[in-house]
Amino acid sequence: MAKTLGLIHTSATLVPVFQQLCQQSLPGVTVFNIVDDSLIKDVIAKGALTANTARRVVDYIGSAEDAGADFIMVTCSSIGAAVEAAAPLTKVPVLRVDQPMADQAVQSDSKIGVIATLPTTLNPTCDLVKRRAAAIGKEIQLIAHLCEGAFEELMSGNAAKHDEMVAGALRKLSSEVDVILLAQASMARVVDTLAPEDKKVPILASPPLAVQHLSSVLLDN
């Protein structure tokens, strides 16, 4: 029987990203999207995931289940805590987009770098990595790097400056760790601009790894 995947986004820009990935890796799976950018705007404005916003995330996950999803994934790392809270309340599997990325990192490496342009994304991703490492009894060294000001440059329309700041941070961090995790999917395009000698360690982005994980789950069952 064909499976249905429900994706919940906090930015419309992620819809085509995941549409392409799903078309490539999830043949025969029906995909629908729920988008509400007010969720991430609220998190950024308040500097944290509030109880009210978390409740709304839980409600969206419930709506995706009611819409017929056999599996639900939330594509924003900043609201990951709400995703985990919703999982026990939902009759179908629920995944936060950065979990497969975190699992791959802690299973293969000990010195892990996490990079973000927003503290509201950096902190939840670092927390997830620490907990996934603890779950398998792995001791890790975590280095978190916030590209201060890069997000503001991107929002003001200066994407080139944003990319330059992120690229510089990636070069520096690559000499300090075994693997780098991108806490935000929006930074993935910067990796493609790096010279081969600047990619000293693997740089992981959550969207492709999450969809690969979904492929193993949805197509093998």
N, C-alpha and C. Protein backbone atom coordinates (compact mmCIF):
# COMPACT_ATOMS: atom_id res chain seq x y z
N MET A 1 0.85 -1.20 0.00
CA MET A 1 0.00 0.00 0.00
C MET A 1 0.88 1.25 0.00
N ALA A 2 0.51 2.23 -0.82
CA ALA A 2 1.27 3.48 -0.90
C ALA A 2 1.23 4.22 0.43
N LYS A 3 2.35 4.81 0.79
CA LYS A 3 2.46 5.55 2.04
C LYS A 3 2.28 7.05 1.78
N THR A 4 1.89 7.75 2.85
CA THR A 4 1.71 9.20 2.78
C THR A 4 2.60 9.86 3.83
N LEU A 5 3.38 10.85 3.40
CA LEU A 5 4.28 11.58 4.28
C LEU A 5 3.78 13.01 4.45
N GLY A 6 3.63 13.44 5.69
CA GLY A 6 3.25 14.82 5.97
C GLY A 6 4.46 15.61 6.42
N LEU A 7 4.74 16.71 5.76
CA LEU A 7 5.87 17.57 6.12
C LEU A 7 5.35 18.88 6.70
N ILE A 8 5.92 19.29 7.82
CA ILE A 8 5.53 20.55 8.45
C ILE A 8 6.73 21.49 8.42
N HIS A 9 6.54 22.66 7.80
CA HIS A 9 7.63 23.61 7.60
C HIS A 9 7.34 24.94 8.30
N THR A 10 8.42 25.65 8.65
CA THR A 10 8.27 27.02 9.16
C THR A 10 8.74 28.04 8.13
N SER A 11 9.02 27.58 6.92
CA SER A 11 9.39 28.48 5.83
C SER A 11 8.97 27.85 4.51
N ALA A 12 8.31 28.64 3.68
CA ALA A 12 7.88 28.14 2.36
C ALA A 12 9.06 27.81 1.47
N THR A 13 10.23 28.38 1.76
CA THR A 13 11.40 28.12 0.92
C THR A 13 11.86 26.67 1.02
N LEU A 14 11.46 25.97 2.08
CA LEU A 14 11.88 24.58 2.24
C LEU A 14 11.00 23.60 1.46
N VAL A 15 9.84 24.05 1.02
CA VAL A 15 8.94 23.14 0.28
C VAL A 15 9.60 22.59 -0.98
N PRO A 16 10.15 23.44 -1.87
CA PRO A 16 10.78 22.88 -3.07
C PRO A 16 12.03 22.05 -2.76
N VAL A 17 12.75 22.39 -1.69
CA VAL A 17 13.93 21.62 -1.30
C VAL A 17 13.54 20.18 -1.00
N PHE A 18 12.52 20.03 -0.17
CA PHE A 18 12.10 18.68 0.21
C PHE A 18 11.30 18.00 -0.90
N GLN A 19 10.63 18.79 -1.72
CA GLN A 19 9.91 18.20 -2.85
C GLN A 19 10.89 17.48 -3.77
N GLN A 20 12.01 18.12 -4.06
CA GLN A 20 13.01 17.52 -4.94
C GLN A 20 13.62 16.27 -4.29
N LEU A 21 13.97 16.37 -3.01
CA LEU A 21 14.57 15.23 -2.30
C LEU A 21 13.60 14.04 -2.25
N CYS A 22 12.34 14.32 -2.00
CA CYS A 22 11.34 13.24 -1.91
C CYS A 22 11.10 12.60 -3.27
N GLN A 23 11.08 13.41 -4.32
CA GLN A 23 10.90 12.87 -5.66
C GLN A 23 12.05 11.92 -6.02
N GLN A 24 13.25 12.25 -5.56
CA GLN A 24 14.43 11.44 -5.87
C GLN A 24 14.48 10.16 -5.03
N SER A 25 14.11 10.27 -3.76
CA SER A 25 14.36 9.16 -2.83
C SER A 25 13.12 8.42 -2.36
N LEU A 26 11.94 8.99 -2.60
CA LEU A 26 10.71 8.36 -2.09
C LEU A 26 9.71 8.11 -3.22
N PRO A 27 10.07 7.30 -4.20
CA PRO A 27 9.13 7.03 -5.30
C PRO A 27 7.88 6.33 -4.79
N GLY A 28 6.75 6.80 -5.26
CA GLY A 28 5.50 6.18 -4.86
C GLY A 28 4.92 6.67 -3.56
N VAL A 29 5.66 7.52 -2.83
CA VAL A 29 5.16 8.06 -1.57
C VAL A 29 4.45 9.39 -1.84
N THR A 30 3.23 9.50 -1.36
CA THR A 30 2.48 10.75 -1.48
C THR A 30 2.95 11.73 -0.40
N VAL A 31 3.26 12.95 -0.79
CA VAL A 31 3.78 13.94 0.15
C VAL A 31 2.87 15.17 0.16
N PHE A 32 2.52 15.63 1.36
CA PHE A 32 1.81 16.91 1.47
C PHE A 32 2.54 17.80 2.48
N ASN A 33 2.32 19.11 2.35
CA ASN A 33 3.05 20.10 3.15
C ASN A 33 2.10 20.99 3.95
N ILE A 34 2.51 21.28 5.17
CA ILE A 34 1.85 22.28 6.00
C ILE A 34 2.90 23.34 6.30
N VAL A 35 2.60 24.61 5.99
CA VAL A 35 3.58 25.68 6.16
C VAL A 35 3.00 26.79 7.04
N ASP A 36 3.77 27.21 8.05
CA ASP A 36 3.38 28.36 8.87
C ASP A 36 4.65 29.06 9.33
N ASP A 37 5.02 30.15 8.65
CA ASP A 37 6.27 30.83 9.00
C ASP A 37 6.14 31.69 10.26
N SER A 38 4.92 31.83 10.78
CA SER A 38 4.77 32.58 12.03
C SER A 38 5.38 31.82 13.20
N LEU A 39 5.53 30.51 13.06
CA LEU A 39 6.13 29.71 14.14
C LEU A 39 7.58 30.13 14.38
N ILE A 40 8.39 30.14 13.32
CA ILE A 40 9.80 30.50 13.48
C ILE A 40 9.95 31.99 13.78
N LYS A 41 9.07 32.81 13.24
CA LYS A 41 9.13 34.24 13.55
C LYS A 41 8.90 34.47 15.03
N ASP A 42 8.00 33.71 15.63
CA ASP A 42 7.73 33.85 17.05
C ASP A 42 8.93 33.39 17.87
N VAL A 43 9.53 32.26 17.46
CA VAL A 43 10.71 31.75 18.17
C VAL A 43 11.84 32.78 18.14
N ILE A 44 12.08 33.36 16.97
CA ILE A 44 13.16 34.35 16.84
C ILE A 44 12.85 35.60 17.66
N ALA A 45 11.61 36.07 17.59
CA ALA A 45 11.24 37.28 18.32
C ALA A 45 11.36 37.12 19.82
N LYS A 46 11.00 35.96 20.32
CA LYS A 46 11.02 35.72 21.77
C LYS A 46 12.33 35.09 22.25
N GLY A 47 13.16 34.67 21.30
CA GLY A 47 14.45 34.11 21.66
C GLY A 47 14.41 32.69 22.17
N ALA A 48 13.25 32.06 22.09
CA ALA A 48 13.11 30.69 22.58
C ALA A 48 11.77 30.13 22.10
N LEU A 49 11.63 28.82 22.19
CA LEU A 49 10.37 28.17 21.88
C LEU A 49 9.45 28.29 23.08
N THR A 50 8.38 29.06 22.93
CA THR A 50 7.45 29.26 24.04
C THR A 50 6.41 28.13 24.11
N ALA A 51 5.74 28.04 25.24
CA ALA A 51 4.72 27.01 25.42
C ALA A 51 3.60 27.17 24.39
N ASN A 52 3.23 28.41 24.08
CA ASN A 52 2.15 28.65 23.13
C ASN A 52 2.54 28.18 21.73
N THR A 53 3.77 28.49 21.31
CA THR A 53 4.22 28.07 20.00
C THR A 53 4.37 26.55 19.95
N ALA A 54 4.86 25.96 21.03
CA ALA A 54 4.99 24.50 21.08
C ALA A 54 3.63 23.83 20.95
N ARG A 55 2.62 24.41 21.58
CA ARG A 55 1.27 23.85 21.48
C ARG A 55 0.77 23.90 20.05
N ARG A 56 1.09 24.98 19.34
CA ARG A 56 0.67 25.10 17.95
C ARG A 56 1.36 24.07 17.07
N VAL A 57 2.64 23.80 17.37
CA VAL A 57 3.37 22.76 16.62
C VAL A 57 2.70 21.40 16.84
N VAL A 58 2.38 21.11 18.09
CA VAL A 58 1.70 19.85 18.41
C VAL A 58 0.37 19.77 17.65
N ASP A 59 -0.35 20.88 17.57
CA ASP A 59 -1.63 20.90 16.86
C ASP A 59 -1.44 20.61 15.36
N TYR A 60 -0.38 21.19 14.77
CA TYR A 60 -0.11 20.94 13.35
C TYR A 60 0.22 19.47 13.11
N ILE A 61 0.96 18.88 14.02
CA ILE A 61 1.29 17.46 13.89
C ILE A 61 0.03 16.62 13.97
N GLY A 62 -0.87 16.98 14.87
CA GLY A 62 -2.16 16.30 14.95
C GLY A 62 -2.97 16.47 13.68
N SER A 63 -2.91 17.65 13.09
CA SER A 63 -3.63 17.90 11.83
C SER A 63 -3.07 17.06 10.70
N ALA A 64 -1.74 16.89 10.69
CA ALA A 64 -1.12 16.07 9.65
C ALA A 64 -1.56 14.61 9.80
N GLU A 65 -1.66 14.15 11.04
CA GLU A 65 -2.15 12.79 11.27
C GLU A 65 -3.60 12.66 10.80
N ASP A 66 -4.42 13.66 11.13
CA ASP A 66 -5.82 13.64 10.72
C ASP A 66 -5.95 13.67 9.19
N ALA A 67 -4.96 14.27 8.52
CA ALA A 67 -5.00 14.37 7.06
C ALA A 67 -4.58 13.08 6.38
N GLY A 68 -4.19 12.08 7.18
CA GLY A 68 -3.88 10.78 6.60
C GLY A 68 -2.42 10.43 6.49
N ALA A 69 -1.55 11.19 7.15
CA ALA A 69 -0.12 10.90 7.08
C ALA A 69 0.20 9.58 7.78
N ASP A 70 1.01 8.76 7.14
CA ASP A 70 1.53 7.54 7.76
C ASP A 70 2.82 7.83 8.52
N PHE A 71 3.45 8.94 8.19
CA PHE A 71 4.69 9.37 8.83
C PHE A 71 4.72 10.89 8.74
N ILE A 72 5.21 11.54 9.80
CA ILE A 72 5.24 13.01 9.84
C ILE A 72 6.66 13.47 10.16
N MET A 73 7.14 14.45 9.41
CA MET A 73 8.43 15.05 9.71
C MET A 73 8.30 16.56 9.78
N VAL A 74 8.93 17.15 10.80
CA VAL A 74 8.96 18.60 10.96
C VAL A 74 10.35 19.08 10.55
N THR A 75 10.41 20.01 9.62
CA THR A 75 11.67 20.34 8.96
C THR A 75 12.43 21.51 9.58
N CYS A 76 11.99 21.98 10.74
CA CYS A 76 12.66 23.11 11.41
C CYS A 76 13.28 22.64 12.71
N SER A 77 14.58 22.85 12.87
CA SER A 77 15.29 22.41 14.07
C SER A 77 14.93 23.24 15.30
N SER A 78 14.55 24.49 15.11
CA SER A 78 14.28 25.37 16.25
C SER A 78 13.09 24.92 17.08
N ILE A 79 12.18 24.15 16.48
CA ILE A 79 11.00 23.71 17.22
C ILE A 79 11.06 22.22 17.53
N GLY A 80 12.28 21.69 17.53
CA GLY A 80 12.47 20.26 17.74
C GLY A 80 11.90 19.74 19.06
N ALA A 81 12.00 20.55 20.11
CA ALA A 81 11.49 20.10 21.41
C ALA A 81 9.99 19.83 21.36
N ALA A 82 9.26 20.66 20.62
CA ALA A 82 7.82 20.46 20.49
C ALA A 82 7.51 19.21 19.68
N VAL A 83 8.38 18.91 18.71
CA VAL A 83 8.20 17.70 17.89
C VAL A 83 8.33 16.46 18.77
N GLU A 84 9.33 16.46 19.62
CA GLU A 84 9.53 15.32 20.51
C GLU A 84 8.38 15.19 21.51
N ALA A 85 7.84 16.31 21.94
CA ALA A 85 6.71 16.27 22.87
C ALA A 85 5.46 15.72 22.19
N ALA A 86 5.32 15.98 20.91
CA ALA A 86 4.13 15.54 20.18
C ALA A 86 4.18 14.06 19.84
N ALA A 87 5.38 13.51 19.70
CA ALA A 87 5.52 12.13 19.24
C ALA A 87 4.71 11.12 20.06
N PRO A 88 4.75 11.17 21.40
CA PRO A 88 3.99 10.19 22.17
C PRO A 88 2.47 10.37 22.06
N LEU A 89 2.04 11.54 21.58
CA LEU A 89 0.62 11.84 21.47
C LEU A 89 0.05 11.46 20.11
N THR A 90 0.92 11.00 19.23
CA THR A 90 0.55 10.75 17.84
C THR A 90 0.63 9.26 17.53
N LYS A 91 -0.33 8.77 16.78
CA LYS A 91 -0.41 7.33 16.50
C LYS A 91 0.51 6.90 15.36
N VAL A 92 1.06 7.86 14.64
CA VAL A 92 2.00 7.54 13.56
C VAL A 92 3.38 8.09 13.94
N PRO A 93 4.46 7.57 13.35
CA PRO A 93 5.80 8.05 13.70
C PRO A 93 5.98 9.53 13.37
N VAL A 94 6.69 10.24 14.26
CA VAL A 94 6.98 11.66 14.08
C VAL A 94 8.50 11.85 14.22
N LEU A 95 9.08 12.60 13.29
CA LEU A 95 10.54 12.78 13.26
C LEU A 95 10.89 14.25 13.19
N ARG A 96 11.89 14.66 13.98
CA ARG A 96 12.46 16.00 13.79
C ARG A 96 13.57 15.88 12.78
N VAL A 97 13.69 16.83 11.90
CA VAL A 97 14.53 16.71 10.71
C VAL A 97 16.01 16.48 11.02
N ASP A 98 16.48 16.96 12.17
CA ASP A 98 17.91 16.87 12.45
C ASP A 98 18.32 15.61 13.20
N GLN A 99 17.38 14.75 13.55
CA GLN A 99 17.76 13.55 14.30
C GLN A 99 18.64 12.59 13.50
N PRO A 100 18.31 12.24 12.24
CA PRO A 100 19.21 11.36 11.49
C PRO A 100 20.62 11.93 11.35
N MET A 101 20.72 13.25 11.18
CA MET A 101 22.03 13.89 11.07
C MET A 101 22.80 13.75 12.38
N ALA A 102 22.14 13.99 13.50
CA ALA A 102 22.78 13.87 14.80
C ALA A 102 23.22 12.44 15.06
N ASP A 103 22.35 11.49 14.70
CA ASP A 103 22.68 10.08 14.92
C ASP A 103 23.91 9.66 14.11
N GLN A 104 23.98 10.09 12.86
CA GLN A 104 25.13 9.73 12.04
C GLN A 104 26.41 10.29 12.63
N ALA A 105 26.35 11.53 13.11
CA ALA A 105 27.55 12.17 13.66
C ALA A 105 28.05 11.46 14.93
N VAL A 106 27.14 11.19 15.86
CA VAL A 106 27.59 10.62 17.14
C VAL A 106 28.02 9.16 16.99
N GLN A 107 27.51 8.48 15.99
CA GLN A 107 27.89 7.09 15.79
C GLN A 107 29.27 6.94 15.16
N SER A 108 29.72 7.98 14.45
CA SER A 108 30.97 7.84 13.72
C SER A 108 32.09 8.75 14.20
N ASP A 109 31.77 9.82 14.93
CA ASP A 109 32.80 10.79 15.31
C ASP A 109 32.67 11.20 16.78
N SER A 110 33.78 11.73 17.33
CA SER A 110 33.81 12.16 18.72
C SER A 110 33.90 13.67 18.88
N LYS A 111 34.62 14.34 17.97
CA LYS A 111 34.74 15.80 18.01
C LYS A 111 33.78 16.36 16.97
N ILE A 112 32.68 16.90 17.46
CA ILE A 112 31.58 17.31 16.59
C ILE A 112 31.37 18.82 16.66
N GLY A 113 31.32 19.45 15.50
CA GLY A 113 31.04 20.87 15.43
C GLY A 113 29.62 21.11 14.96
N VAL A 114 28.96 22.10 15.55
CA VAL A 114 27.62 22.49 15.13
C VAL A 114 27.66 23.99 14.82
N ILE A 115 27.17 24.36 13.65
CA ILE A 115 27.22 25.76 13.23
C ILE A 115 25.82 26.25 12.89
N ALA A 116 25.53 27.49 13.26
CA ALA A 116 24.22 28.09 12.99
C ALA A 116 24.36 29.60 12.90
N THR A 117 23.34 30.24 12.36
CA THR A 117 23.31 31.70 12.33
C THR A 117 22.30 32.26 13.32
N LEU A 118 21.59 31.36 14.00
CA LEU A 118 20.61 31.77 15.00
C LEU A 118 20.82 30.97 16.29
N PRO A 119 20.88 31.63 17.45
CA PRO A 119 21.01 30.88 18.70
C PRO A 119 19.80 29.99 18.97
N THR A 120 18.64 30.40 18.45
CA THR A 120 17.43 29.61 18.67
C THR A 120 17.45 28.30 17.91
N THR A 121 18.35 28.17 16.94
CA THR A 121 18.55 26.91 16.23
C THR A 121 19.77 26.17 16.76
N LEU A 122 20.81 26.93 17.08
CA LEU A 122 22.06 26.33 17.56
C LEU A 122 21.84 25.53 18.85
N ASN A 123 21.16 26.12 19.80
CA ASN A 123 21.00 25.48 21.10
C ASN A 123 20.19 24.18 21.03
N PRO A 124 19.04 24.15 20.34
CA PRO A 124 18.30 22.88 20.25
C PRO A 124 19.06 21.79 19.53
N THR A 125 19.84 22.14 18.51
CA THR A 125 20.61 21.13 17.78
C THR A 125 21.71 20.57 18.66
N CYS A 126 22.41 21.43 19.38
CA CYS A 126 23.46 20.96 20.29
C CYS A 126 22.87 20.06 21.38
N ASP A 127 21.73 20.44 21.90
CA ASP A 127 21.08 19.62 22.92
C ASP A 127 20.72 18.25 22.37
N LEU A 128 20.22 18.22 21.14
CA LEU A 128 19.87 16.94 20.52
C LEU A 128 21.09 16.06 20.34
N VAL A 129 22.19 16.63 19.86
CA VAL A 129 23.41 15.86 19.64
C VAL A 129 23.89 15.26 20.96
N LYS A 130 23.88 16.05 22.02
CA LYS A 130 24.32 15.54 23.32
C LYS A 130 23.44 14.39 23.79
N ARG A 131 22.15 14.53 23.62
CA ARG A 131 21.23 13.48 24.09
C ARG A 131 21.32 12.21 23.25
N ARG A 132 21.51 12.37 21.93
CA ARG A 132 21.64 11.17 21.07
C ARG A 132 22.96 10.44 21.36
N ALA A 133 24.00 11.19 21.72
CA ALA A 133 25.27 10.57 22.10
C ALA A 133 25.11 9.82 23.42
N ALA A 134 24.44 10.46 24.37
CA ALA A 134 24.22 9.82 25.68
C ALA A 134 23.40 8.56 25.54
N ALA A 135 22.48 8.55 24.59
CA ALA A 135 21.59 7.40 24.41
C ALA A 135 22.35 6.15 23.99
N ILE A 136 23.50 6.34 23.33
CA ILE A 136 24.29 5.17 22.92
C ILE A 136 25.57 5.05 23.75
N GLY A 137 25.65 5.83 24.82
CA GLY A 137 26.80 5.75 25.70
C GLY A 137 28.08 6.28 25.10
N LYS A 138 27.98 7.25 24.20
CA LYS A 138 29.15 7.80 23.51
C LYS A 138 29.57 9.13 24.14
N GLU A 139 30.86 9.24 24.46
CA GLU A 139 31.40 10.50 24.94
C GLU A 139 31.86 11.33 23.75
N ILE A 140 31.39 12.56 23.69
CA ILE A 140 31.75 13.43 22.57
C ILE A 140 32.28 14.76 23.07
N GLN A 141 32.99 15.44 22.20
CA GLN A 141 33.40 16.82 22.43
C GLN A 141 32.63 17.67 21.43
N LEU A 142 31.83 18.59 21.93
CA LEU A 142 30.96 19.38 21.06
C LEU A 142 31.45 20.83 21.02
N ILE A 143 31.66 21.33 19.82
CA ILE A 143 32.05 22.73 19.63
C ILE A 143 30.94 23.43 18.86
N ALA A 144 30.30 24.38 19.49
CA ALA A 144 29.21 25.12 18.85
C ALA A 144 29.72 26.46 18.36
N HIS A 145 29.30 26.83 17.15
CA HIS A 145 29.73 28.11 16.58
C HIS A 145 28.52 28.87 16.04
N LEU A 146 28.34 30.08 16.55
CA LEU A 146 27.27 30.95 16.08
C LEU A 146 27.85 32.01 15.16
N CYS A 147 27.37 32.06 13.92
CA CYS A 147 27.80 33.09 12.97
C CYS A 147 26.99 34.35 13.24
N GLU A 148 27.43 35.11 14.20
CA GLU A 148 26.66 36.29 14.60
C GLU A 148 26.59 37.32 13.47
N GLY A 149 25.39 37.76 13.20
CA GLY A 149 25.17 38.77 12.18
C GLY A 149 24.85 38.23 10.80
N ALA A 150 25.16 36.94 10.59
CA ALA A 150 24.93 36.38 9.25
C ALA A 150 23.44 36.31 8.92
N PHE A 151 22.63 35.92 9.88
CA PHE A 151 21.19 35.82 9.62
C PHE A 151 20.62 37.18 9.28
N GLU A 152 21.07 38.22 10.00
CA GLU A 152 20.58 39.56 9.74
C GLU A 152 20.97 40.02 8.33
N GLU A 153 22.17 39.64 7.89
CA GLU A 153 22.60 39.97 6.53
C GLU A 153 21.68 39.30 5.51
N LEU A 154 21.34 38.04 5.77
CA LEU A 154 20.48 37.31 4.84
C LEU A 154 19.10 37.94 4.78
N MET A 155 18.56 38.31 5.95
CA MET A 155 17.23 38.90 6.01
C MET A 155 17.19 40.30 5.36
N SER A 156 18.33 40.98 5.35
CA SER A 156 18.37 42.32 4.75
C SER A 156 18.63 42.27 3.26
N GLY A 157 18.75 41.05 2.72
CA GLY A 157 18.94 40.89 1.29
C GLY A 157 20.37 40.72 0.84
N ASN A 158 21.30 40.70 1.81
CA ASN A 158 22.72 40.57 1.47
C ASN A 158 23.14 39.11 1.61
N ALA A 159 22.65 38.27 0.71
CA ALA A 159 22.94 36.84 0.77
C ALA A 159 24.43 36.56 0.59
N ALA A 160 25.10 37.37 -0.23
CA ALA A 160 26.53 37.16 -0.48
C ALA A 160 27.34 37.33 0.80
N LYS A 161 27.00 38.33 1.59
CA LYS A 161 27.71 38.56 2.85
C LYS A 161 27.42 37.42 3.82
N HIS A 162 26.18 36.98 3.87
CA HIS A 162 25.81 35.82 4.71
C HIS A 162 26.66 34.62 4.34
N ASP A 163 26.73 34.33 3.04
CA ASP A 163 27.46 33.15 2.57
C ASP A 163 28.95 33.28 2.89
N GLU A 164 29.48 34.48 2.76
CA GLU A 164 30.89 34.72 3.06
C GLU A 164 31.19 34.46 4.54
N MET A 165 30.30 34.91 5.41
CA MET A 165 30.50 34.72 6.85
C MET A 165 30.40 33.25 7.23
N VAL A 166 29.44 32.56 6.66
CA VAL A 166 29.28 31.14 6.96
C VAL A 166 30.46 30.34 6.44
N ALA A 167 30.91 30.66 5.23
CA ALA A 167 32.05 29.96 4.64
C ALA A 167 33.29 30.12 5.49
N GLY A 168 33.52 31.32 5.98
CA GLY A 168 34.68 31.56 6.84
C GLY A 168 34.61 30.76 8.13
N ALA A 169 33.43 30.69 8.69
CA ALA A 169 33.24 29.91 9.92
C ALA A 169 33.44 28.42 9.67
N LEU A 170 32.98 27.94 8.52
CA LEU A 170 33.15 26.53 8.19
C LEU A 170 34.63 26.18 8.02
N ARG A 171 35.38 27.06 7.38
CA ARG A 171 36.82 26.82 7.20
C ARG A 171 37.52 26.72 8.56
N LYS A 172 37.20 27.64 9.45
CA LYS A 172 37.83 27.65 10.77
C LYS A 172 37.44 26.41 11.57
N LEU A 173 36.17 26.08 11.57
CA LEU A 173 35.68 24.97 12.38
C LEU A 173 36.21 23.63 11.87
N SER A 174 36.45 23.54 10.57
CA SER A 174 36.89 22.27 9.99
C SER A 174 38.27 21.84 10.49
N SER A 175 39.03 22.78 11.03
CA SER A 175 40.35 22.44 11.56
C SER A 175 40.29 22.04 13.03
N GLU A 176 39.09 22.09 13.62
CA GLU A 176 38.95 21.83 15.05
C GLU A 176 38.16 20.58 15.37
N VAL A 177 37.44 20.01 14.39
CA VAL A 177 36.52 18.90 14.67
C VAL A 177 36.67 17.79 13.63
N ASP A 178 35.96 16.67 13.87
CA ASP A 178 35.95 15.54 12.93
C ASP A 178 34.81 15.63 11.93
N VAL A 179 33.74 16.33 12.29
CA VAL A 179 32.56 16.45 11.45
C VAL A 179 31.83 17.74 11.83
N ILE A 180 31.18 18.36 10.86
CA ILE A 180 30.41 19.59 11.11
C ILE A 180 28.95 19.35 10.76
N LEU A 181 28.07 19.77 11.66
CA LEU A 181 26.64 19.69 11.41
C LEU A 181 26.10 21.08 11.13
N LEU A 182 25.34 21.23 10.07
CA LEU A 182 24.67 22.49 9.77
C LEU A 182 23.33 22.50 10.48
N ALA A 183 23.18 23.40 11.43
CA ALA A 183 21.94 23.44 12.20
C ALA A 183 20.78 23.99 11.38
N GLN A 184 21.08 24.67 10.28
CA GLN A 184 20.04 25.25 9.42
C GLN A 184 20.25 24.80 7.98
N ALA A 185 19.19 24.35 7.36
CA ALA A 185 19.28 23.90 5.97
C ALA A 185 19.67 25.04 5.04
N SER A 186 19.40 26.28 5.43
CA SER A 186 19.70 27.43 4.57
C SER A 186 21.20 27.60 4.35
N MET A 187 22.03 26.96 5.17
CA MET A 187 23.48 27.09 5.03
C MET A 187 24.06 26.06 4.08
N ALA A 188 23.28 25.08 3.67
CA ALA A 188 23.80 23.97 2.87
C ALA A 188 24.39 24.45 1.55
N ARG A 189 23.79 25.48 0.95
CA ARG A 189 24.29 25.94 -0.35
C ARG A 189 25.70 26.51 -0.24
N VAL A 190 26.08 26.98 0.94
CA VAL A 190 27.41 27.55 1.13
C VAL A 190 28.48 26.48 0.99
N VAL A 191 28.16 25.26 1.41
CA VAL A 191 29.12 24.15 1.34
C VAL A 191 29.55 23.92 -0.10
N ASP A 192 28.62 24.07 -1.03
CA ASP A 192 28.92 23.84 -2.44
C ASP A 192 29.89 24.87 -3.01
N THR A 193 30.03 26.00 -2.34
CA THR A 193 30.93 27.05 -2.82
C THR A 193 32.35 26.91 -2.28
N LEU A 194 32.55 26.01 -1.33
CA LEU A 194 33.86 25.84 -0.72
C LEU A 194 34.80 25.09 -1.66
N ALA A 195 36.06 25.47 -1.63
CA ALA A 195 37.07 24.74 -2.40
C ALA A 195 37.33 23.40 -1.74
N PRO A 196 37.74 22.40 -2.50
CA PRO A 196 37.99 21.06 -1.93
C PRO A 196 38.91 21.09 -0.72
N GLU A 197 39.93 21.96 -0.74
CA GLU A 197 40.87 22.00 0.38
C GLU A 197 40.26 22.60 1.64
N ASP A 198 39.12 23.27 1.49
CA ASP A 198 38.43 23.84 2.65
C ASP A 198 37.48 22.85 3.31
N LYS A 199 37.23 21.75 2.63
CA LYS A 199 36.34 20.72 3.18
C LYS A 199 37.20 19.62 3.81
N LYS A 200 37.82 19.97 4.93
CA LYS A 200 38.75 19.05 5.57
C LYS A 200 38.03 17.90 6.28
N VAL A 201 36.77 18.12 6.64
CA VAL A 201 35.98 17.10 7.33
C VAL A 201 34.60 17.03 6.69
N PRO A 202 33.86 15.95 6.91
CA PRO A 202 32.49 15.89 6.38
C PRO A 202 31.62 17.02 6.95
N ILE A 203 30.79 17.61 6.10
CA ILE A 203 29.85 18.66 6.51
C ILE A 203 28.45 18.13 6.22
N LEU A 204 27.68 17.92 7.28
CA LEU A 204 26.38 17.26 7.15
C LEU A 204 25.24 18.27 7.20
N ALA A 205 24.29 18.11 6.30
CA ALA A 205 23.06 18.91 6.30
C ALA A 205 21.88 17.98 6.56
N SER A 206 20.90 18.47 7.27
CA SER A 206 19.81 17.59 7.72
C SER A 206 18.84 17.14 6.63
N PRO A 207 18.47 17.97 5.63
CA PRO A 207 17.44 17.52 4.68
C PRO A 207 17.75 16.21 3.95
N PRO A 208 18.91 16.08 3.28
CA PRO A 208 19.15 14.82 2.55
C PRO A 208 19.26 13.60 3.47
N LEU A 209 19.86 13.79 4.64
CA LEU A 209 20.00 12.65 5.56
C LEU A 209 18.64 12.25 6.13
N ALA A 210 17.78 13.22 6.38
CA ALA A 210 16.45 12.92 6.89
C ALA A 210 15.62 12.17 5.86
N VAL A 211 15.71 12.58 4.60
CA VAL A 211 14.94 11.92 3.55
C VAL A 211 15.50 10.52 3.29
N GLN A 212 16.81 10.37 3.38
CA GLN A 212 17.40 9.03 3.26
C GLN A 212 16.86 8.11 4.35
N HIS A 213 16.75 8.65 5.56
CA HIS A 213 16.19 7.87 6.67
C HIS A 213 14.74 7.49 6.38
N LEU A 214 13.98 8.44 5.88
CA LEU A 214 12.57 8.16 5.55
C LEU A 214 12.47 7.09 4.48
N SER A 215 13.40 7.10 3.54
CA SER A 215 13.40 6.08 2.49
C SER A 215 13.53 4.68 3.09
N SER A 216 14.44 4.55 4.05
CA SER A 216 14.65 3.24 4.68
C SER A 216 13.44 2.79 5.47
N VAL A 217 12.69 3.76 5.98
CA VAL A 217 11.51 3.46 6.81
C VAL A 217 10.28 3.20 5.96
N LEU A 218 10.02 4.13 5.01
CA LEU A 218 8.78 4.08 4.26
C LEU A 218 8.79 3.07 3.11
N LEU A 219 9.96 2.85 2.52
CA LEU A 219 10.02 1.96 1.36
C LEU A 219 10.33 0.53 1.72
N ASP A 220 10.83 0.29 2.93
CA ASP A 220 11.17 -1.07 3.33
C ASP A 220 10.05 -1.76 4.13
N ASN A 221 8.96 -1.02 4.34
CA ASN A 221 7.86 -1.59 5.14
C ASN A 221 6.57 -1.60 4.33
